[in-house]
Amino acid sequence: MCLGIPGRIAAITDPARLMALAEVSGVRREVNLACVAYGPLEALVGRWALIHVGFAMSLIDEEEAARTLEALRELGEAQEALEAMAAGDRALEGQA
């Protein structure tokens, strides 16, 4: 399964290579814009995109970005709860 993380394009870093700086959950990283570069690159600054393995795969609106980020947070919380339950089960097995 592939997972795209919403990120906001903050700046164009290398127009010749279609590279930009994107902020993903507070972390800035360089991404490739080849999949979303349909016009002037500067027009992408401030836009939201789904980022996957260093590529901006598609543009999304701010509302979709917020919904996706919330779903990812919920998945992380669910994963933490499952891991805590599994750790508790292992501890009980060790007492038996």
PDB file of N, CA and C in Angstrom:
ATOM      1  N   MET A   1       0.847  -1.175   0.000  1.00  0.00           N
ATOM      2  CA  MET A   1       0.000   0.000   0.000  1.00  0.00           C
ATOM      3  C   MET A   1       0.891   1.235   0.000  1.00  0.00           C
ATOM      4  N   CYS A   2       0.540   2.205  -0.824  1.00  0.00           N
ATOM      5  CA  CYS A   2       1.257   3.477  -0.863  1.00  0.00           C
ATOM      6  C   CYS A   2       0.480   4.494  -0.051  1.00  0.00           C
ATOM      7  N   LEU A   3       1.221   5.337   0.628  1.00  0.00           N
ATOM      8  CA  LEU A   3       0.594   6.344   1.468  1.00  0.00           C
ATOM      9  C   LEU A   3       1.160   7.705   1.130  1.00  0.00           C
ATOM     10  N   GLY A   4       0.298   8.629   0.762  1.00  0.00           N
ATOM     11  CA  GLY A   4       0.711  10.004   0.505  1.00  0.00           C
ATOM     12  C   GLY A   4       0.434  10.841   1.737  1.00  0.00           C
ATOM     13  N   ILE A   5       1.391  11.643   2.128  1.00  0.00           N
ATOM     14  CA  ILE A   5       1.270  12.516   3.286  1.00  0.00           C
ATOM     15  C   ILE A   5       1.064  13.942   2.782  1.00  0.00           C
ATOM     16  N   PRO A   6       0.051  14.664   3.273  1.00  0.00           N
ATOM     17  CA  PRO A   6      -0.135  16.043   2.832  1.00  0.00           C
ATOM     18  C   PRO A   6       1.030  16.932   3.253  1.00  0.00           C
ATOM     19  N   GLY A   7       1.477  17.743   2.321  1.00  0.00           N
ATOM     20  CA  GLY A   7       2.522  18.718   2.592  1.00  0.00           C
ATOM     21  C   GLY A   7       2.241  19.987   1.811  1.00  0.00           C
ATOM     22  N   ARG A   8       2.647  21.123   2.373  1.00  0.00           N
ATOM     23  CA  ARG A   8       2.449  22.405   1.703  1.00  0.00           C
ATOM     24  C   ARG A   8       3.759  22.815   1.032  1.00  0.00           C
ATOM     25  N   ILE A   9       3.689  23.162  -0.224  1.00  0.00           N
ATOM     26  CA  ILE A   9       4.874  23.580  -0.967  1.00  0.00           C
ATOM     27  C   ILE A   9       5.268  24.971  -0.484  1.00  0.00           C
ATOM     28  N   ALA A  10       6.491  25.077   0.041  1.00  0.00           N
ATOM     29  CA  ALA A  10       6.943  26.318   0.666  1.00  0.00           C
ATOM     30  C   ALA A  10       7.786  27.184  -0.266  1.00  0.00           C
ATOM     31  N   ALA A  11       8.593  26.579  -1.118  1.00  0.00           N
ATOM     32  CA  ALA A  11       9.481  27.343  -1.997  1.00  0.00           C
ATOM     33  C   ALA A  11       9.986  26.454  -3.116  1.00  0.00           C
ATOM     34  N   ILE A  12      10.300  27.078  -4.230  1.00  0.00           N
ATOM     35  CA  ILE A  12      10.944  26.379  -5.338  1.00  0.00           C
ATOM     36  C   ILE A  12      12.448  26.444  -5.092  1.00  0.00           C
ATOM     37  N   THR A  13      13.125  25.300  -5.074  1.00  0.00           N
ATOM     38  CA  THR A  13      14.553  25.281  -4.765  1.00  0.00           C
ATOM     39  C   THR A  13      15.430  25.106  -6.001  1.00  0.00           C
ATOM     40  N   ASP A  14      14.941  24.385  -7.001  1.00  0.00           N
ATOM     41  CA  ASP A  14      15.723  24.159  -8.220  1.00  0.00           C
ATOM     42  C   ASP A  14      14.754  23.983  -9.385  1.00  0.00           C
ATOM     43  N   PRO A  15      14.391  25.092 -10.049  1.00  0.00           N
ATOM     44  CA  PRO A  15      13.409  25.003 -11.136  1.00  0.00           C
ATOM     45  C   PRO A  15      13.828  24.065 -12.265  1.00  0.00           C
ATOM     46  N   ALA A  16      15.101  24.007 -12.586  1.00  0.00           N
ATOM     47  CA  ALA A  16      15.564  23.152 -13.690  1.00  0.00           C
ATOM     48  C   ALA A  16      15.300  21.680 -13.410  1.00  0.00           C
ATOM     49  N   ARG A  17      15.402  21.286 -12.151  1.00  0.00           N
ATOM     50  CA  ARG A  17      15.163  19.883 -11.756  1.00  0.00           C
ATOM     51  C   ARG A  17      13.756  19.679 -11.194  1.00  0.00           C
ATOM     52  N   LEU A  18      12.913  20.723 -11.234  1.00  0.00           N
ATOM     53  CA  LEU A  18      11.534  20.671 -10.713  1.00  0.00           C
ATOM     54  C   LEU A  18      11.504  20.323  -9.222  1.00  0.00           C
ATOM     55  N   MET A  19      12.419  20.900  -8.467  1.00  0.00           N
ATOM     56  CA  MET A  19      12.513  20.603  -7.034  1.00  0.00           C
ATOM     57  C   MET A  19      11.974  21.770  -6.208  1.00  0.00           C
ATOM     58  N   ALA A  20      11.355  21.409  -5.083  1.00  0.00           N
ATOM     59  CA  ALA A  20      10.782  22.409  -4.182  1.00  0.00           C
ATOM     60  C   ALA A  20      10.983  21.968  -2.744  1.00  0.00           C
ATOM     61  N   LEU A  21      10.814  22.911  -1.846  1.00  0.00           N
ATOM     62  CA  LEU A  21      10.836  22.631  -0.422  1.00  0.00           C
ATOM     63  C   LEU A  21       9.383  22.522   0.027  1.00  0.00           C
ATOM     64  N   ALA A  22       9.029  21.418   0.653  1.00  0.00           N
ATOM     65  CA  ALA A  22       7.664  21.212   1.142  1.00  0.00           C
ATOM     66  C   ALA A  22       7.700  20.997   2.641  1.00  0.00           C
ATOM     67  N   GLU A  23       6.689  21.510   3.314  1.00  0.00           N
ATOM     68  CA  GLU A  23       6.570  21.302   4.750  1.00  0.00           C
ATOM     69  C   GLU A  23       5.562  20.186   4.987  1.00  0.00           C
ATOM     70  N   VAL A  24       6.056  19.122   5.609  1.00  0.00           N
ATOM     71  CA  VAL A  24       5.233  17.942   5.886  1.00  0.00           C
ATOM     72  C   VAL A  24       5.198  17.755   7.394  1.00  0.00           C
ATOM     73  N   SER A  25       4.055  18.025   7.999  1.00  0.00           N
ATOM     74  CA  SER A  25       3.881  17.887   9.448  1.00  0.00           C
ATOM     75  C   SER A  25       4.976  18.614  10.231  1.00  0.00           C
ATOM     76  N   GLY A  26       5.286  19.830   9.805  1.00  0.00           N
ATOM     77  CA  GLY A  26       6.264  20.638  10.506  1.00  0.00           C
ATOM     78  C   GLY A  26       7.708  20.397  10.101  1.00  0.00           C
ATOM     79  N   VAL A  27       7.956  19.428   9.253  1.00  0.00           N
ATOM     80  CA  VAL A  27       9.313  19.112   8.804  1.00  0.00           C
ATOM     81  C   VAL A  27       9.436  19.535   7.345  1.00  0.00           C
ATOM     82  N   ARG A  28      10.501  20.264   7.042  1.00  0.00           N
ATOM     83  CA  ARG A  28      10.726  20.686   5.657  1.00  0.00           C
ATOM     84  C   ARG A  28      11.654  19.707   4.958  1.00  0.00           C
ATOM     85  N   ARG A  29      11.251  19.329   3.752  1.00  0.00           N
ATOM     86  CA  ARG A  29      12.085  18.418   2.955  1.00  0.00           C
ATOM     87  C   ARG A  29      11.922  18.760   1.488  1.00  0.00           C
ATOM     88  N   GLU A  30      12.926  18.380   0.721  1.00  0.00           N
ATOM     89  CA  GLU A  30      12.891  18.655  -0.708  1.00  0.00           C
ATOM     90  C   GLU A  30      12.066  17.576  -1.410  1.00  0.00           C
ATOM     91  N   VAL A  31      11.224  18.015  -2.342  1.00  0.00           N
ATOM     92  CA  VAL A  31      10.387  17.090  -3.110  1.00  0.00           C
ATOM     93  C   VAL A  31      10.466  17.448  -4.588  1.00  0.00           C
ATOM     94  N   ASN A  32      10.177  16.477  -5.416  1.00  0.00           N
ATOM     95  CA  ASN A  32      10.146  16.658  -6.857  1.00  0.00           C
ATOM     96  C   ASN A  32       8.720  16.999  -7.281  1.00  0.00           C
ATOM     97  N   LEU A  33       8.579  17.996  -8.144  1.00  0.00           N
ATOM     98  CA  LEU A  33       7.263  18.469  -8.578  1.00  0.00           C
ATOM     99  C   LEU A  33       6.843  17.954  -9.955  1.00  0.00           C
ATOM    100  N   ALA A  34       7.599  17.035 -10.536  1.00  0.00           N
ATOM    101  CA  ALA A  34       7.341  16.603 -11.913  1.00  0.00           C
ATOM    102  C   ALA A  34       5.893  16.149 -12.135  1.00  0.00           C
ATOM    103  N   CYS A  35       5.294  15.519 -11.166  1.00  0.00           N
ATOM    104  CA  CYS A  35       3.929  14.991 -11.339  1.00  0.00           C
ATOM    105  C   CYS A  35       2.851  16.067 -11.265  1.00  0.00           C
ATOM    106  N   VAL A  36       3.184  17.252 -10.760  1.00  0.00           N
ATOM    107  CA  VAL A  36       2.177  18.306 -10.586  1.00  0.00           C
ATOM    108  C   VAL A  36       2.542  19.608 -11.301  1.00  0.00           C
ATOM    109  N   ALA A  37       3.636  19.613 -12.047  1.00  0.00           N
ATOM    110  CA  ALA A  37       4.132  20.832 -12.696  1.00  0.00           C
ATOM    111  C   ALA A  37       3.461  21.031 -14.053  1.00  0.00           C
ATOM    112  N   TYR A  38       2.264  21.613 -14.051  1.00  0.00           N
ATOM    113  CA  TYR A  38       1.521  21.834 -15.294  1.00  0.00           C
ATOM    114  C   TYR A  38       1.542  23.287 -15.743  1.00  0.00           C
ATOM    115  N   GLY A  39       2.218  24.142 -15.013  1.00  0.00           N
ATOM    116  CA  GLY A  39       2.296  25.563 -15.345  1.00  0.00           C
ATOM    117  C   GLY A  39       3.506  26.141 -14.645  1.00  0.00           C
ATOM    118  N   PRO A  40       3.478  27.440 -14.388  1.00  0.00           N
ATOM    119  CA  PRO A  40       4.603  28.062 -13.693  1.00  0.00           C
ATOM    120  C   PRO A  40       4.798  27.443 -12.309  1.00  0.00           C
ATOM    121  N   LEU A  41       6.026  27.069 -11.992  1.00  0.00           N
ATOM    122  CA  LEU A  41       6.295  26.431 -10.700  1.00  0.00           C
ATOM    123  C   LEU A  41       5.952  27.345  -9.533  1.00  0.00           C
ATOM    124  N   GLU A  42       6.179  28.638  -9.680  1.00  0.00           N
ATOM    125  CA  GLU A  42       5.887  29.581  -8.584  1.00  0.00           C
ATOM    126  C   GLU A  42       4.415  29.538  -8.184  1.00  0.00           C
ATOM    127  N   ALA A  43       3.538  29.151  -9.121  1.00  0.00           N
ATOM    128  CA  ALA A  43       2.108  29.071  -8.814  1.00  0.00           C
ATOM    129  C   ALA A  43       1.816  27.941  -7.822  1.00  0.00           C
ATOM    130  N   LEU A  44       2.751  27.023  -7.636  1.00  0.00           N
ATOM    131  CA  LEU A  44       2.552  25.905  -6.711  1.00  0.00           C
ATOM    132  C   LEU A  44       2.899  26.263  -5.268  1.00  0.00           C
ATOM    133  N   VAL A  45       3.648  27.346  -5.068  1.00  0.00           N
ATOM    134  CA  VAL A  45       4.033  27.751  -3.710  1.00  0.00           C
ATOM    135  C   VAL A  45       2.762  28.076  -2.918  1.00  0.00           C
ATOM    136  N   GLY A  46       2.646  27.453  -1.746  1.00  0.00           N
ATOM    137  CA  GLY A  46       1.468  27.618  -0.903  1.00  0.00           C
ATOM    138  C   GLY A  46       0.398  26.567  -1.125  1.00  0.00           C
ATOM    139  N   ARG A  47       0.506  25.788  -2.189  1.00  0.00           N
ATOM    140  CA  ARG A  47      -0.473  24.738  -2.483  1.00  0.00           C
ATOM    141  C   ARG A  47      -0.162  23.490  -1.676  1.00  0.00           C
ATOM    142  N   TRP A  48      -1.180  22.690  -1.428  1.00  0.00           N
ATOM    143  CA  TRP A  48      -1.051  21.404  -0.744  1.00  0.00           C
ATOM    144  C   TRP A  48      -0.906  20.304  -1.779  1.00  0.00           C
ATOM    145  N   ALA A  49      -0.088  19.313  -1.449  1.00  0.00           N
ATOM    146  CA  ALA A  49       0.106  18.159  -2.330  1.00  0.00           C
ATOM    147  C   ALA A  49       0.223  16.910  -1.477  1.00  0.00           C
ATOM    148  N   LEU A  50      -0.123  15.778  -2.055  1.00  0.00           N
ATOM    149  CA  LEU A  50       0.151  14.496  -1.407  1.00  0.00           C
ATOM    150  C   LEU A  50       1.571  14.109  -1.774  1.00  0.00           C
ATOM    151  N   ILE A  51       2.411  13.919  -0.759  1.00  0.00           N
ATOM    152  CA  ILE A  51       3.832  13.625  -0.939  1.00  0.00           C
ATOM    153  C   ILE A  51       4.070  12.141  -0.669  1.00  0.00           C
ATOM    154  N   HIS A  52       4.774  11.495  -1.598  1.00  0.00           N
ATOM    155  CA  HIS A  52       5.113  10.076  -1.433  1.00  0.00           C
ATOM    156  C   HIS A  52       6.534   9.869  -1.948  1.00  0.00           C
ATOM    157  N   VAL A  53       7.385   9.309  -1.121  1.00  0.00           N
ATOM    158  CA  VAL A  53       8.795   9.029  -1.412  1.00  0.00           C
ATOM    159  C   VAL A  53       9.501  10.162  -2.174  1.00  0.00           C
ATOM    160  N   GLY A  54       9.294  11.387  -1.710  1.00  0.00           N
ATOM    161  CA  GLY A  54       9.996  12.526  -2.283  1.00  0.00           C
ATOM    162  C   GLY A  54       9.371  13.132  -3.519  1.00  0.00           C
ATOM    163  N   PHE A  55       8.162  12.706  -3.868  1.00  0.00           N
ATOM    164  CA  PHE A  55       7.467  13.253  -5.030  1.00  0.00           C
ATOM    165  C   PHE A  55       6.124  13.833  -4.603  1.00  0.00           C
ATOM    166  N   ALA A  56       5.799  15.021  -5.109  1.00  0.00           N
ATOM    167  CA  ALA A  56       4.453  15.571  -4.970  1.00  0.00           C
ATOM    168  C   ALA A  56       3.610  14.843  -6.020  1.00  0.00           C
ATOM    169  N   MET A  57       2.752  13.937  -5.569  1.00  0.00           N
ATOM    170  CA  MET A  57       2.024  13.066  -6.493  1.00  0.00           C
ATOM    171  C   MET A  57       0.769  13.716  -7.074  1.00  0.00           C
ATOM    172  N   SER A  58       0.070  14.502  -6.261  1.00  0.00           N
ATOM    173  CA  SER A  58      -1.129  15.187  -6.739  1.00  0.00           C
ATOM    174  C   SER A  58      -1.402  16.387  -5.846  1.00  0.00           C
ATOM    175  N   LEU A  59      -2.075  17.380  -6.418  1.00  0.00           N
ATOM    176  CA  LEU A  59      -2.452  18.555  -5.652  1.00  0.00           C
ATOM    177  C   LEU A  59      -3.792  18.300  -4.976  1.00  0.00           C
ATOM    178  N   ILE A  60      -3.924  18.789  -3.761  1.00  0.00           N
ATOM    179  CA  ILE A  60      -5.173  18.661  -3.012  1.00  0.00           C
ATOM    180  C   ILE A  60      -5.495  20.026  -2.413  1.00  0.00           C
ATOM    181  N   ASP A  61      -6.747  20.202  -1.988  1.00  0.00           N
ATOM    182  CA  ASP A  61      -7.090  21.467  -1.352  1.00  0.00           C
ATOM    183  C   ASP A  61      -6.823  21.383   0.149  1.00  0.00           C
ATOM    184  N   GLU A  62      -6.890  22.512   0.811  1.00  0.00           N
ATOM    185  CA  GLU A  62      -6.557  22.581   2.231  1.00  0.00           C
ATOM    186  C   GLU A  62      -7.497  21.721   3.084  1.00  0.00           C
ATOM    187  N   GLU A  63      -8.769  21.658   2.700  1.00  0.00           N
ATOM    188  CA  GLU A  63      -9.740  20.854   3.451  1.00  0.00           C
ATOM    189  C   GLU A  63      -9.390  19.361   3.373  1.00  0.00           C
ATOM    190  N   GLU A  64      -9.052  18.901   2.189  1.00  0.00           N
ATOM    191  CA  GLU A  64      -8.665  17.487   2.034  1.00  0.00           C
ATOM    192  C   GLU A  64      -7.379  17.200   2.803  1.00  0.00           C
ATOM    193  N   ALA A  65      -6.440  18.152   2.782  1.00  0.00           N
ATOM    194  CA  ALA A  65      -5.195  17.985   3.534  1.00  0.00           C
ATOM    195  C   ALA A  65      -5.493  17.842   5.020  1.00  0.00           C
ATOM    196  N   ALA A  66      -6.378  18.689   5.555  1.00  0.00           N
ATOM    197  CA  ALA A  66      -6.723  18.628   6.981  1.00  0.00           C
ATOM    198  C   ALA A  66      -7.385  17.298   7.327  1.00  0.00           C
ATOM    199  N   ARG A  67      -8.309  16.829   6.470  1.00  0.00           N
ATOM    200  CA  ARG A  67      -8.979  15.543   6.730  1.00  0.00           C
ATOM    201  C   ARG A  67      -7.977  14.388   6.705  1.00  0.00           C
ATOM    202  N   THR A  68      -7.067  14.428   5.755  1.00  0.00           N
ATOM    203  CA  THR A  68      -6.072  13.355   5.640  1.00  0.00           C
ATOM    204  C   THR A  68      -5.131  13.352   6.835  1.00  0.00           C
ATOM    205  N   LEU A  69      -4.673  14.533   7.253  1.00  0.00           N
ATOM    206  CA  LEU A  69      -3.788  14.617   8.414  1.00  0.00           C
ATOM    207  C   LEU A  69      -4.493  14.112   9.677  1.00  0.00           C
ATOM    208  N   GLU A  70      -5.774  14.431   9.834  1.00  0.00           N
ATOM    209  CA  GLU A  70      -6.529  13.955  10.997  1.00  0.00           C
ATOM    210  C   GLU A  70      -6.667  12.431  10.963  1.00  0.00           C
ATOM    211  N   ALA A  71      -6.956  11.874   9.789  1.00  0.00           N
ATOM    212  CA  ALA A  71      -7.071  10.414   9.664  1.00  0.00           C
ATOM    213  C   ALA A  71      -5.733   9.746   9.999  1.00  0.00           C
ATOM    214  N   LEU A  72      -4.635  10.338   9.558  1.00  0.00           N
ATOM    215  CA  LEU A  72      -3.320   9.771   9.866  1.00  0.00           C
ATOM    216  C   LEU A  72      -3.031   9.823  11.360  1.00  0.00           C
ATOM    217  N   ARG A  73      -3.429  10.929  12.016  1.00  0.00           N
ATOM    218  CA  ARG A  73      -3.253  11.017  13.471  1.00  0.00           C
ATOM    219  C   ARG A  73      -4.066   9.928  14.182  1.00  0.00           C
ATOM    220  N   GLU A  74      -5.305   9.733  13.733  1.00  0.00           N
ATOM    221  CA  GLU A  74      -6.150   8.702  14.332  1.00  0.00           C
ATOM    222  C   GLU A  74      -5.565   7.309  14.126  1.00  0.00           C
ATOM    223  N   LEU A  75      -5.029   7.053  12.943  1.00  0.00           N
ATOM    224  CA  LEU A  75      -4.393   5.757  12.688  1.00  0.00           C
ATOM    225  C   LEU A  75      -3.199   5.553  13.612  1.00  0.00           C
ATOM    226  N   GLY A  76      -2.418   6.594  13.827  1.00  0.00           N
ATOM    227  CA  GLY A  76      -1.268   6.507  14.727  1.00  0.00           C
ATOM    228  C   GLY A  76      -1.695   6.212  16.148  1.00  0.00           C
ATOM    229  N   GLU A  77      -2.780   6.878  16.606  1.00  0.00           N
ATOM    230  CA  GLU A  77      -3.286   6.627  17.952  1.00  0.00           C
ATOM    231  C   GLU A  77      -3.809   5.200  18.077  1.00  0.00           C
ATOM    232  N   ALA A  78      -4.507   4.719  17.040  1.00  0.00           N
ATOM    233  CA  ALA A  78      -5.016   3.343  17.063  1.00  0.00           C
ATOM    234  C   ALA A  78      -3.862   2.353  17.108  1.00  0.00           C
ATOM    235  N   GLN A  79      -2.803   2.615  16.345  1.00  0.00           N
ATOM    236  CA  GLN A  79      -1.633   1.741  16.339  1.00  0.00           C
ATOM    237  C   GLN A  79      -0.987   1.700  17.716  1.00  0.00           C
ATOM    238  N   GLU A  80      -0.865   2.871  18.363  1.00  0.00           N
ATOM    239  CA  GLU A  80      -0.287   2.926  19.708  1.00  0.00           C
ATOM    240  C   GLU A  80      -1.126   2.115  20.693  1.00  0.00           C
ATOM    241  N   ALA A  81      -2.450   2.214  20.580  1.00  0.00           N
ATOM    242  CA  ALA A  81      -3.334   1.471  21.474  1.00  0.00           C
ATOM    243  C   ALA A  81      -3.179  -0.037  21.260  1.00  0.00           C
ATOM    244  N   LEU A  82      -3.100  -0.452  19.988  1.00  0.00           N
ATOM    245  CA  LEU A  82      -2.921  -1.880  19.696  1.00  0.00           C
ATOM    246  C   LEU A  82      -1.590  -2.391  20.239  1.00  0.00           C
ATOM    247  N   GLU A  83      -0.532  -1.593  20.090  1.00  0.00           N
ATOM    248  CA  GLU A  83       0.772  -1.998  20.595  1.00  0.00           C
ATOM    249  C   GLU A  83       0.761  -2.089  22.118  1.00  0.00           C
ATOM    250  N   ALA A  84       0.069  -1.172  22.796  1.00  0.00           N
ATOM    251  CA  ALA A  84      -0.027  -1.209  24.255  1.00  0.00           C
ATOM    252  C   ALA A  84      -0.800  -2.446  24.702  1.00  0.00           C
ATOM    253  N   MET A  85      -1.880  -2.781  23.971  1.00  0.00           N
ATOM    254  CA  MET A  85      -2.649  -3.975  24.312  1.00  0.00           C
ATOM    255  C   MET A  85      -1.794  -5.223  24.127  1.00  0.00           C
ATOM    256  N   ALA A  86      -1.033  -5.292  23.041  1.00  0.00           N
ATOM    257  CA  ALA A  86      -0.186  -6.453  22.783  1.00  0.00           C
ATOM    258  C   ALA A  86       0.887  -6.575  23.856  1.00  0.00           C
ATOM    259  N   ALA A  87       1.460  -5.456  24.277  1.00  0.00           N
ATOM    260  CA  ALA A  87       2.475  -5.479  25.333  1.00  0.00           C
ATOM    261  C   ALA A  87       1.863  -5.968  26.650  1.00  0.00           C
ATOM    262  N   GLY A  88       0.632  -5.546  26.934  1.00  0.00           N
ATOM    263  CA  GLY A  88      -0.050  -6.003  28.137  1.00  0.00           C
ATOM    264  C   GLY A  88      -0.330  -7.487  28.094  1.00  0.00           C
ATOM    265  N   ASP A  89      -0.739  -8.001  26.929  1.00  0.00           N
ATOM    266  CA  ASP A  89      -0.983  -9.427  26.764  1.00  0.00           C
ATOM    267  C   ASP A  89       0.294 -10.229  26.983  1.00  0.00           C
ATOM    268  N   ARG A  90       1.416  -9.726  26.443  1.00  0.00           N
ATOM    269  CA  ARG A  90       2.700 -10.428  26.623  1.00  0.00           C
ATOM    270  C   ARG A  90       3.100 -10.439  28.097  1.00  0.00           C
ATOM    271  N   ALA A  91       2.830  -9.355  28.800  1.00  0.00           N
ATOM    272  CA  ALA A  91       3.166  -9.282  30.216  1.00  0.00           C
ATOM    273  C   ALA A  91       2.327 -10.290  31.009  1.00  0.00           C
ATOM    274  N   LEU A  92       1.055 -10.403  30.655  1.00  0.00           N
ATOM    275  CA  LEU A  92       0.184 -11.382  31.351  1.00  0.00           C
ATOM    276  C   LEU A  92       0.630 -12.809  31.076  1.00  0.00           C
ATOM    277  N   GLU A  93       1.060 -13.081  29.850  1.00  0.00           N
ATOM    278  CA  GLU A  93       1.536 -14.416  29.505  1.00  0.00           C
ATOM    279  C   GLU A  93       2.791 -14.763  30.308  1.00  0.00           C
ATOM    280  N   GLY A  94       3.618 -13.762  30.562  1.00  0.00           N
ATOM    281  CA  GLY A  94       4.850 -13.983  31.332  1.00  0.00           C
ATOM    282  C   GLY A  94       4.562 -14.287  32.795  1.00  0.00           C
ATOM    283  N   GLN A  95       3.402 -13.879  33.310  1.00  0.00           N
ATOM    284  CA  GLN A  95       3.031 -14.121  34.707  1.00  0.00           C
ATOM    285  C   GLN A  95       2.435 -15.502  34.896  1.00  0.00           C
ATOM    286  N   ALA A  96       1.961 -16.096  33.819  1.00  0.00           N
ATOM    287  CA  ALA A  96       1.279 -17.391  33.931  1.00  0.00           C
ATOM    288  C   ALA A  96       2.224 -18.539  34.132  1.00  0.00           C
TER     289      ALA A  96
END
